[in-house]
C-alpha atoms as a PDB file:
ATOM      1  CA  UNK A   1    -118.436-131.055 -87.942  1.00  0.00           C
ATOM      2  CA  UNK A   2    -118.772-127.304 -87.337  1.00  0.00           C
ATOM      3  CA  UNK A   3    -120.087-126.425 -83.906  1.00  0.00           C
ATOM      4  CA  UNK A   4    -120.905-123.145 -82.212  1.00  0.00           C
ATOM      5  CA  UNK A   5    -121.573-122.453 -78.554  1.00  0.00           C
ATOM      6  CA  UNK A   6    -122.325-119.316 -76.570  1.00  0.00           C
ATOM      7  CA  UNK A   7    -122.112-119.409 -72.791  1.00  0.00           C
ATOM      8  CA  UNK A   8    -123.924-116.477 -71.208  1.00  0.00           C
ATOM      9  CA  UNK A   9    -123.042-115.119 -67.781  1.00  0.00           C
ATOM     10  CA  UNK A  10    -126.042-113.794 -65.895  1.00  0.00           C
ATOM     11  CA  UNK A  11    -127.988-112.292 -68.802  1.00  0.00           C
ATOM     12  CA  UNK A  12    -131.112-114.314 -68.091  1.00  0.00           C
ATOM     13  CA  UNK A  13    -130.543-115.284 -64.455  1.00  0.00           C
ATOM     14  CA  UNK A  14    -133.365-113.200 -62.963  1.00  0.00           C
ATOM     15  CA  UNK A  15    -135.911-113.947 -65.661  1.00  0.00           C
ATOM     16  CA  UNK A  16    -135.228-117.704 -65.764  1.00  0.00           C
ATOM     17  CA  UNK A  17    -135.292-117.936 -61.951  1.00  0.00           C
ATOM     18  CA  UNK A  18    -138.649-116.128 -61.858  1.00  0.00           C
ATOM     19  CA  UNK A  19    -140.150-118.362 -64.550  1.00  0.00           C
ATOM     20  CA  UNK A  20    -138.931-121.524 -62.788  1.00  0.00           C
ATOM     21  CA  UNK A  21    -140.535-120.381 -59.523  1.00  0.00           C
ATOM     22  CA  UNK A  22    -143.798-119.510 -61.276  1.00  0.00           C
ATOM     23  CA  UNK A  23    -143.944-122.905 -62.992  1.00  0.00           C
ATOM     24  CA  UNK A  24    -142.654-124.753 -59.923  1.00  0.00           C
ATOM     25  CA  UNK A  25    -139.843-126.348 -61.935  1.00  0.00           C
ATOM     26  CA  UNK A  26    -136.108-126.700 -61.405  1.00  0.00           C
ATOM     27  CA  UNK A  27    -134.167-123.501 -62.070  1.00  0.00           C
ATOM     28  CA  UNK A  28    -132.233-124.032 -65.333  1.00  0.00           C
ATOM     29  CA  UNK A  29    -129.519-121.479 -64.503  1.00  0.00           C
ATOM     30  CA  UNK A  30    -126.692-121.579 -61.995  1.00  0.00           C
ATOM     31  CA  UNK A  31    -127.334-120.321 -58.483  1.00  0.00           C
ATOM     32  CA  UNK A  32    -125.635-116.923 -58.730  1.00  0.00           C
ATOM     33  CA  UNK A  33    -122.921-115.260 -60.773  1.00  0.00           C
ATOM     34  CA  UNK A  34    -120.050-117.005 -58.954  1.00  0.00           C
ATOM     35  CA  UNK A  35    -121.453-120.461 -59.737  1.00  0.00           C
ATOM     36  CA  UNK A  36    -122.010-119.359 -63.326  1.00  0.00           C
ATOM     37  CA  UNK A  37    -118.358-118.322 -63.633  1.00  0.00           C
ATOM     38  CA  UNK A  38    -117.228-121.650 -62.129  1.00  0.00           C
ATOM     39  CA  UNK A  39    -119.386-123.506 -64.665  1.00  0.00           C
ATOM     40  CA  UNK A  40    -118.040-121.474 -67.580  1.00  0.00           C
ATOM     41  CA  UNK A  41    -114.434-122.103 -66.499  1.00  0.00           C
ATOM     42  CA  UNK A  42    -115.093-125.839 -66.084  1.00  0.00           C
ATOM     43  CA  UNK A  43    -116.700-125.945 -69.544  1.00  0.00           C
ATOM     44  CA  UNK A  44    -113.719-124.163 -71.104  1.00  0.00           C
ATOM     45  CA  UNK A  45    -111.357-126.681 -69.509  1.00  0.00           C
ATOM     46  CA  UNK A  46    -113.497-129.554 -70.810  1.00  0.00           C
ATOM     47  CA  UNK A  47    -113.572-128.087 -74.320  1.00  0.00           C
ATOM     48  CA  UNK A  48    -109.811-127.546 -74.415  1.00  0.00           C
ATOM     49  CA  UNK A  49    -109.247-131.081 -73.096  1.00  0.00           C
ATOM     50  CA  UNK A  50    -111.218-132.490 -76.015  1.00  0.00           C
ATOM     51  CA  UNK A  51    -109.917-130.490 -78.977  1.00  0.00           C
ATOM     52  CA  UNK A  52    -108.665-132.382 -82.004  1.00  0.00           C
ATOM     53  CA  UNK A  53    -105.889-131.222 -84.341  1.00  0.00           C
ATOM     54  CA  UNK A  54    -108.529-129.898 -86.769  1.00  0.00           C
ATOM     55  CA  UNK A  55    -110.501-128.060 -84.074  1.00  0.00           C
ATOM     56  CA  UNK A  56    -110.948-124.305 -84.278  1.00  0.00           C
ATOM     57  CA  UNK A  57    -112.004-122.334 -81.230  1.00  0.00           C
ATOM     58  CA  UNK A  58    -112.820-118.708 -80.591  1.00  0.00           C
ATOM     59  CA  UNK A  59    -113.400-117.556 -77.019  1.00  0.00           C
ATOM     60  CA  UNK A  60    -114.495-114.035 -76.209  1.00  0.00           C
ATOM     61  CA  UNK A  61    -115.465-112.522 -72.899  1.00  0.00           C
ATOM     62  CA  UNK A  62    -116.013-109.173 -71.218  1.00  0.00           C
ATOM     63  CA  UNK A  63    -114.959-110.783 -67.945  1.00  0.00           C
ATOM     64  CA  UNK A  64    -111.281-110.275 -67.034  1.00  0.00           C
ATOM     65  CA  UNK A  65    -111.271-113.323 -64.737  1.00  0.00           C
ATOM     66  CA  UNK A  66    -112.457-115.550 -67.589  1.00  0.00           C
ATOM     67  CA  UNK A  67    -109.881-114.143 -69.997  1.00  0.00           C
ATOM     68  CA  UNK A  68    -107.111-114.807 -67.467  1.00  0.00           C
ATOM     69  CA  UNK A  69    -108.498-118.317 -66.850  1.00  0.00           C
ATOM     70  CA  UNK A  70    -108.564-119.009 -70.593  1.00  0.00           C
ATOM     71  CA  UNK A  71    -104.952-117.876 -70.962  1.00  0.00           C
ATOM     72  CA  UNK A  72    -103.980-120.196 -68.089  1.00  0.00           C
ATOM     73  CA  UNK A  73    -105.920-123.105 -69.603  1.00  0.00           C
ATOM     74  CA  UNK A  74    -104.295-122.544 -72.987  1.00  0.00           C
ATOM     75  CA  UNK A  75    -100.889-122.686 -71.345  1.00  0.00           C
ATOM     76  CA  UNK A  76    -101.701-125.850 -69.378  1.00  0.00           C
ATOM     77  CA  UNK A  77    -103.007-127.502 -72.574  1.00  0.00           C
ATOM     78  CA  UNK A  78     -99.919-126.380 -74.545  1.00  0.00           C
ATOM     79  CA  UNK A  79    -101.904-124.208 -76.940  1.00  0.00           C
ATOM     80  CA  UNK A  80     -99.805-121.313 -78.274  1.00  0.00           C
ATOM     81  CA  UNK A  81    -101.301-117.793 -78.262  1.00  0.00           C
ATOM     82  CA  UNK A  82    -100.716-117.268 -81.969  1.00  0.00           C
ATOM     83  CA  UNK A  83    -102.206-120.500 -83.343  1.00  0.00           C
ATOM     84  CA  UNK A  84    -103.709-120.020 -86.823  1.00  0.00           C
END
């Protein structure tokens, strides 16, 4: 089953926080950029832990820390850099 996912770091953090306060509801975003990065890294680890042989994954980021984390996760999950 094809599946696509986009994890966004901070793009809507201010707007979503404001809306949650106005509506007196739980904030749907992480509490700050650091917590958002932790969540993204945990999600990447979860995804890599649950790949099947037929899985295809593309990860892109403008964040150097996330790129380095992804490279480390690929290594720990024995995923070669040049997998096609």
